[in-house]
Amino acid sequence: MAAWIYFVCAVTSIVLAVLVVRAWARSPVRLLMWIAMGFLGLSMENVVLFVDEVITVHTDLHLLREATALTALCVLLFGLIWESQ
C-alpha cells in the first residue's frame, strides 16, 4: 500500500511540475520560472523517495532525498524573494 501512495505522489508532483512549466512557456513571467524550477526539484525528490522506499530497499538514499528537497525549496524561496523586489 505504501508503494502505491509513493507512486501516486510522484506522478502527481510530476504532472503539477509539467503544468507549471507549460504555464511558464505560454507567458514568460519570471516568477513562474522560479516556481517551475522549485516544483521540478520537488518532483525529483518524490521520485527519489519512491526509488528509495520501493525499488532499492537496502540502499539508503535519505541524504539524497533531503538534499534534493532542500535545493528545490531554496530555489523556490530565492525566486519568491528575488521577484518581490
Protein backbone atom coordinates (compact mmCIF):
# COMPACT_ATOMS: atom_id res chain seq x y z
CA MET A 1 0.00 0.00 0.00
CA ALA A 2 2.80 2.41 0.81
CA ALA A 3 4.42 1.78 -2.57
CA TRP A 4 1.19 2.77 -4.30
CA ILE A 5 0.98 6.01 -2.30
CA TYR A 6 4.61 6.89 -3.09
CA PHE A 7 3.93 6.23 -6.78
CA VAL A 8 0.76 8.36 -6.86
CA CYS A 9 2.54 11.22 -5.07
CA ALA A 10 5.43 11.09 -7.53
CA VAL A 11 3.14 11.08 -10.55
CA THR A 12 1.02 13.91 -9.13
CA SER A 13 4.05 16.09 -8.46
CA ILE A 14 5.42 15.42 -11.96
CA VAL A 15 2.07 16.37 -13.52
CA LEU A 16 1.97 19.55 -11.44
CA ALA A 17 5.52 20.45 -12.45
CA VAL A 18 4.69 19.89 -16.13
CA LEU A 19 1.62 22.12 -15.82
CA VAL A 20 3.65 24.91 -14.24
CA VAL A 21 6.35 24.60 -16.94
CA ARG A 22 3.64 24.80 -19.63
CA ALA A 23 2.19 27.91 -17.97
CA TRP A 24 5.64 29.48 -17.90
CA ALA A 25 6.17 28.64 -21.57
CA ARG A 26 2.91 30.37 -22.50
CA SER A 27 3.55 33.53 -20.51
CA PRO A 28 7.24 34.01 -19.72
CA VAL A 29 6.80 35.52 -16.27
CA ARG A 30 9.97 35.15 -14.24
CA LEU A 31 8.09 34.15 -11.10
CA LEU A 32 6.61 31.18 -12.96
CA MET A 33 10.13 30.16 -13.96
CA TRP A 34 11.24 30.03 -10.32
CA ILE A 35 8.10 28.17 -9.31
CA ALA A 36 8.61 25.69 -12.15
CA MET A 37 12.21 25.04 -11.10
CA GLY A 38 11.14 24.56 -7.50
CA PHE A 39 8.38 22.13 -8.39
CA LEU A 40 10.66 20.21 -10.74
CA GLY A 41 13.04 19.76 -7.83
CA LEU A 42 10.24 18.66 -5.52
CA SER A 43 9.02 16.15 -8.08
CA MET A 44 12.57 14.82 -8.36
CA GLU A 45 12.53 14.42 -4.58
CA ASN A 46 9.32 12.40 -4.80
CA VAL A 47 10.82 10.16 -7.47
CA VAL A 48 13.92 9.61 -5.31
CA LEU A 49 11.60 8.79 -2.38
CA PHE A 50 9.84 6.15 -4.49
CA VAL A 51 13.15 4.68 -5.63
CA ASP A 52 14.50 4.69 -2.08
CA GLU A 53 11.49 3.10 -0.42
CA VAL A 54 10.26 0.72 -3.14
CA ILE A 55 12.97 -0.16 -5.68
CA THR A 56 16.23 -0.06 -3.71
CA VAL A 57 15.10 -1.15 -0.27
CA HIS A 58 18.55 -2.00 1.05
CA THR A 59 20.18 1.26 -0.09
CA ASP A 60 19.71 4.38 2.00
CA LEU A 61 19.04 7.43 -0.18
CA HIS A 62 17.89 9.60 2.71
CA LEU A 63 20.66 12.16 2.27
CA LEU A 64 19.98 12.48 -1.46
CA ARG A 65 16.26 12.94 -0.78
CA GLU A 66 16.87 15.64 1.80
CA ALA A 67 19.44 17.44 -0.37
CA THR A 68 17.06 17.44 -3.33
CA ALA A 69 14.19 18.80 -1.25
CA LEU A 70 16.39 21.45 0.36
CA THR A 71 17.73 22.59 -3.01
CA ALA A 72 14.23 22.79 -4.50
CA LEU A 73 12.89 24.76 -1.57
CA CYS A 74 15.89 27.12 -1.62
CA VAL A 75 15.34 27.78 -5.33
CA LEU A 76 11.65 28.42 -4.72
CA LEU A 77 12.35 30.73 -1.77
CA PHE A 78 15.07 32.59 -3.67
CA GLY A 79 12.73 33.14 -6.60
CA LEU A 80 9.95 34.40 -4.39
CA ILE A 81 12.26 36.85 -2.62
CA TRP A 82 14.01 37.95 -5.82
CA GLU A 83 10.78 38.64 -7.71
CA SER A 84 9.16 40.51 -4.81
CA GLN A 85 11.71 43.32 -5.04
